Amino acid sequence: MKVRNLRLIALVILSVIFTVLGGCGEQEDTGIFAKVKKTEYEEDGIKYIREEGSRVTIAYPVIDAGQFEEYEEEQIASYSSLARGSADSARDYGYYYIHGMDWTQVYTDAAIDRIEYTFYNGRAYFSDQCLDDISVSNGNYTGRAVSVSLSEQSDLYLNIALEFKSTDKEYQSYMQTSFSEKKAMSELLENGIIEAKLYYKDGTQSKEYLKIKTSSETTWWSGSIYRLIEK
């Protein structure tokens, strides 16, 4: 009887150990984002969503992504960013994760005078300033169109601002897994729609829509840029 009990206890201990180890190698958390107060509004004929969290508030323009479902994709550029940013954690209220990602020279046609970029449908925005510290605008951001010359494209940053909720896992410093954070960044970029208005030196204009595809599920800082083409 004693041997049987010892075996039972050993099985229970092993089960607990495997459960803990399994948690340490966890690949994905559910409900990783902090709760935000979400409101919708319109400004200058453009619809916006404003997400107000405990640390970060960001408003971004939205566009119907469904209209592009049947479009074809043509790769026109690649990117590899020296992204920089910061995170700050608090066990009670969660933490923010912000990054300024170097944009790239998407367009090279010398006939183009300037390009106006807008990022839709996500907590990101173009700016000539790198978001690498929350002190910029005191954690309050609004994504709008940014106009640059052909040569100034590489001076732009695609800034990302996410807010995660804390966890009860002390071995992770009460933060989400690195996998979850990186995956969230990749999904944000891939779900976004980029509008590029092209202004030519001869006075003509055109408009294109772009999509980002990251190098992998968690390698958000590099990838390819695609033009969406109507069939």
Protein backbone atom coordinates (compact mmCIF):
# COMPACT_ATOMS: atom_id res chain seq x y z
CA MET A 1 0.00 0.00 0.00
CA LYS A 2 2.82 2.36 0.89
CA VAL A 3 4.56 1.72 -2.43
CA ARG A 4 1.31 2.39 -4.25
CA ASN A 5 0.83 5.69 -2.41
CA LEU A 6 4.40 6.73 -3.12
CA ARG A 7 3.87 6.05 -6.81
CA LEU A 8 0.70 8.14 -6.79
CA ILE A 9 2.49 11.02 -5.08
CA ALA A 10 5.35 10.79 -7.58
CA LEU A 11 2.91 10.94 -10.50
CA VAL A 12 1.24 14.01 -9.03
CA ILE A 13 4.62 15.74 -8.55
CA LEU A 14 5.68 14.92 -12.12
CA SER A 15 2.36 16.24 -13.43
CA VAL A 16 2.87 19.54 -11.61
CA ILE A 17 6.45 19.84 -12.94
CA PHE A 18 5.36 19.24 -16.54
CA THR A 19 2.54 21.75 -16.18
CA VAL A 20 4.94 24.43 -14.95
CA LEU A 21 7.47 23.67 -17.67
CA GLY A 22 4.75 23.72 -20.26
CA GLY A 23 3.76 27.18 -19.08
CA CYS A 24 7.35 28.39 -19.40
CA GLY A 25 7.43 27.33 -23.03
CA GLU A 26 4.00 28.69 -23.79
CA GLN A 27 3.80 30.05 -27.34
CA GLU A 28 0.69 32.14 -27.18
CA ASP A 29 -1.37 33.89 -24.53
CA THR A 30 -5.03 34.74 -24.96
CA GLY A 31 -6.42 38.14 -24.08
CA ILE A 32 -2.99 39.74 -24.08
CA PHE A 33 -4.08 43.33 -24.61
CA ALA A 34 -4.96 45.74 -21.85
CA LYS A 35 -8.55 46.96 -21.71
CA VAL A 36 -9.11 50.23 -23.50
CA LYS A 37 -11.94 52.70 -23.82
CA LYS A 38 -12.78 52.63 -27.52
CA THR A 39 -14.69 55.40 -29.26
CA GLU A 40 -15.38 56.19 -32.91
CA TYR A 41 -15.55 59.64 -34.45
CA GLU A 42 -15.17 61.43 -37.77
CA GLU A 43 -12.83 64.27 -38.66
CA ASP A 44 -12.55 65.97 -42.06
CA GLY A 45 -14.58 63.15 -43.58
CA ILE A 46 -12.26 60.45 -42.22
CA LYS A 47 -13.42 57.85 -39.69
CA TYR A 48 -11.22 57.29 -36.64
CA ILE A 49 -11.07 54.84 -33.76
CA ARG A 50 -9.68 56.18 -30.50
CA GLU A 51 -8.32 53.66 -28.00
CA GLU A 52 -7.65 55.08 -24.56
CA GLY A 53 -5.69 52.82 -22.21
CA SER A 54 -4.00 53.29 -18.85
CA ARG A 55 -0.69 54.41 -20.38
CA VAL A 56 -1.24 55.02 -24.09
CA THR A 57 -4.01 56.70 -26.07
CA ILE A 58 -3.97 56.45 -29.83
CA ALA A 59 -6.44 57.43 -32.53
CA TYR A 60 -6.07 55.93 -35.98
CA PRO A 61 -8.03 56.24 -39.25
CA VAL A 62 -10.03 53.28 -40.48
CA ILE A 63 -10.90 52.06 -43.95
CA ASP A 64 -12.99 49.11 -45.14
CA ALA A 65 -10.45 46.32 -45.67
CA GLY A 66 -13.11 44.14 -47.28
CA GLN A 67 -12.95 46.17 -50.48
CA PHE A 68 -9.44 44.80 -51.13
CA GLU A 69 -10.20 41.10 -50.62
CA GLU A 70 -10.21 40.31 -54.35
CA TYR A 71 -7.20 42.48 -55.17
CA GLU A 72 -3.95 40.98 -56.40
CA GLU A 73 -0.65 41.67 -54.63
CA GLU A 74 2.54 42.83 -56.31
CA GLN A 75 5.73 43.08 -54.30
CA ILE A 76 7.34 46.48 -54.83
CA ALA A 77 9.81 46.81 -51.95
CA SER A 78 11.31 45.13 -48.93
CA TYR A 79 12.24 46.57 -45.56
CA SER A 80 14.63 45.81 -42.74
CA SER A 81 14.25 48.18 -39.85
CA LEU A 82 16.61 49.25 -37.12
CA ALA A 83 13.57 49.61 -34.88
CA ARG A 84 13.97 51.25 -31.49
CA GLY A 85 11.59 51.89 -28.67
CA SER A 86 10.80 51.13 -25.06
CA ALA A 87 8.46 49.33 -22.73
CA ASP A 88 7.37 50.02 -19.18
CA SER A 89 5.66 47.55 -16.91
CA ALA A 90 3.39 47.73 -13.91
CA ARG A 91 1.85 44.68 -12.26
CA ASP A 92 -1.48 46.33 -11.58
CA TYR A 93 -2.18 48.21 -14.80
CA GLY A 94 -0.26 46.43 -17.53
CA TYR A 95 2.42 47.92 -19.71
CA TYR A 96 2.97 49.69 -22.99
CA TYR A 97 5.26 48.72 -25.85
CA ILE A 98 6.18 51.43 -28.37
CA HIS A 99 8.50 51.34 -31.34
CA GLY A 100 9.68 53.61 -34.13
CA MET A 101 10.30 51.49 -37.22
CA ASP A 102 12.43 52.89 -40.04
CA TRP A 103 10.39 53.24 -43.21
CA THR A 104 11.94 52.49 -46.58
CA GLN A 105 12.34 53.93 -50.09
CA VAL A 106 9.18 52.36 -51.51
CA TYR A 107 8.94 54.58 -54.60
CA THR A 108 11.88 55.45 -56.85
CA ASP A 109 10.26 57.00 -59.96
CA ALA A 110 11.99 60.36 -60.52
CA ALA A 111 8.75 61.75 -61.97
CA ILE A 112 7.20 61.69 -58.46
CA ASP A 113 7.38 64.98 -56.60
CA ARG A 114 6.02 63.81 -53.25
CA ILE A 115 4.12 60.99 -51.53
CA GLU A 116 1.44 61.23 -48.86
CA TYR A 117 1.37 58.16 -46.61
CA THR A 118 -1.47 57.13 -44.25
CA PHE A 119 -1.64 53.97 -42.11
CA TYR A 120 -5.19 52.65 -41.61
CA ASN A 121 -6.78 50.08 -39.30
CA GLY A 122 -4.24 49.77 -36.53
CA ARG A 123 -2.33 51.35 -33.67
CA ALA A 124 0.43 52.74 -35.87
CA TYR A 125 1.13 55.98 -37.68
CA PHE A 126 3.69 57.62 -39.96
CA SER A 127 5.80 60.49 -38.65
CA ASP A 128 9.12 62.20 -39.24
CA GLN A 129 9.78 61.68 -35.52
CA CYS A 130 10.72 58.33 -34.02
CA LEU A 131 8.46 57.09 -31.25
CA ASP A 132 11.03 55.60 -28.89
CA ASP A 133 9.81 57.07 -25.62
CA ILE A 134 6.34 57.59 -24.22
CA SER A 135 7.21 61.16 -23.25
CA VAL A 136 6.55 62.11 -26.88
CA SER A 137 3.08 63.73 -26.75
CA ASN A 138 2.74 62.30 -23.23
CA GLY A 139 1.47 58.98 -24.58
CA ASN A 140 -1.27 60.54 -26.71
CA TYR A 141 -0.99 59.97 -30.44
CA THR A 142 -3.11 60.50 -33.55
CA GLY A 143 -2.34 58.95 -36.92
CA ARG A 144 -2.76 61.27 -39.89
CA ALA A 145 -1.45 61.58 -43.44
CA VAL A 146 2.21 62.60 -43.74
CA SER A 147 3.64 64.09 -46.94
CA VAL A 148 7.29 63.63 -47.97
CA SER A 149 9.38 64.16 -51.06
CA LEU A 150 10.70 61.21 -53.03
CA SER A 151 14.07 61.39 -51.28
CA GLU A 152 12.56 61.87 -47.81
CA GLN A 153 10.76 58.51 -47.67
CA SER A 154 13.60 56.90 -45.74
CA ASP A 155 13.41 59.73 -43.17
CA LEU A 156 9.96 58.53 -42.11
CA TYR A 157 9.13 56.26 -39.20
CA LEU A 158 6.19 53.90 -38.88
CA ASN A 159 5.47 54.23 -35.18
CA ILE A 160 3.73 51.44 -33.27
CA ALA A 161 2.01 51.81 -29.89
CA LEU A 162 0.55 48.76 -28.12
CA GLU A 163 -0.59 48.25 -24.56
CA PHE A 164 -0.59 44.81 -22.96
CA LYS A 165 -2.11 43.62 -19.73
CA SER A 166 0.15 42.18 -17.05
CA THR A 167 0.09 38.52 -16.10
CA ASP A 168 0.46 36.59 -12.86
CA LYS A 169 3.62 34.88 -14.10
CA GLU A 170 6.49 36.20 -12.03
CA TYR A 171 9.11 34.41 -14.13
CA GLN A 172 8.05 36.66 -17.03
CA SER A 173 8.27 39.79 -14.88
CA TYR A 174 4.46 39.89 -15.09
CA MET A 175 4.61 40.55 -18.83
CA GLN A 176 3.29 38.59 -21.80
CA THR A 177 5.57 36.09 -23.52
CA SER A 178 8.07 37.52 -25.99
CA PHE A 179 6.40 35.35 -28.63
CA SER A 180 3.02 36.96 -27.95
CA GLU A 181 4.41 40.48 -28.08
CA LYS A 182 6.23 39.93 -31.36
CA LYS A 183 3.25 38.15 -32.89
CA ALA A 184 1.00 41.06 -31.92
CA MET A 185 3.38 43.48 -33.66
CA SER A 186 3.42 41.35 -36.82
CA GLU A 187 -0.37 41.06 -36.86
CA LEU A 188 -0.75 44.81 -36.40
CA LEU A 189 1.45 45.52 -39.41
CA GLU A 190 -0.10 42.83 -41.62
CA ASN A 191 -3.67 43.88 -40.81
CA GLY A 192 -2.99 47.50 -41.68
CA ILE A 193 -3.72 49.17 -45.00
CA ILE A 194 -1.34 51.87 -46.23
CA GLU A 195 -2.62 54.56 -48.55
CA ALA A 196 -0.03 56.24 -50.77
CA LYS A 197 -1.10 59.34 -52.69
CA LEU A 198 1.40 60.10 -55.44
CA TYR A 199 1.88 63.65 -56.67
CA TYR A 200 3.84 63.95 -59.91
CA LYS A 201 5.98 66.82 -61.14
CA ASP A 202 3.68 67.33 -64.15
CA GLY A 203 0.77 68.09 -61.81
CA THR A 204 -1.01 64.73 -62.11
CA GLN A 205 -1.95 62.55 -59.14
CA SER A 206 -2.66 58.90 -58.40
CA LYS A 207 -3.46 56.79 -55.37
CA GLU A 208 -2.30 53.30 -54.39
CA TYR A 209 -2.89 50.99 -51.47
CA LEU A 210 -0.12 48.92 -49.91
CA LYS A 211 0.14 45.96 -47.55
CA ILE A 212 2.98 44.78 -45.32
CA LYS A 213 3.95 41.14 -44.98
CA THR A 214 6.43 40.45 -42.20
CA SER A 215 9.28 37.97 -42.60
CA SER A 216 7.67 35.58 -40.14
CA GLU A 217 5.00 35.35 -37.49
CA THR A 218 7.30 37.03 -35.00
CA THR A 219 9.85 38.86 -37.17
CA TRP A 220 7.92 42.08 -37.55
CA TRP A 221 10.96 44.34 -38.10
CA SER A 222 11.62 43.01 -41.61
CA GLY A 223 9.51 41.89 -44.53
CA SER A 224 8.02 42.98 -47.85
CA ILE A 225 5.69 45.71 -49.08
CA TYR A 226 3.01 44.88 -51.65
CA ARG A 227 0.92 47.02 -53.96
CA LEU A 228 -2.76 46.05 -54.07
CA ILE A 229 -3.99 45.85 -57.66
CA GLU A 230 -7.63 45.64 -58.65
CA LYS A 231 -8.31 42.70 -60.96
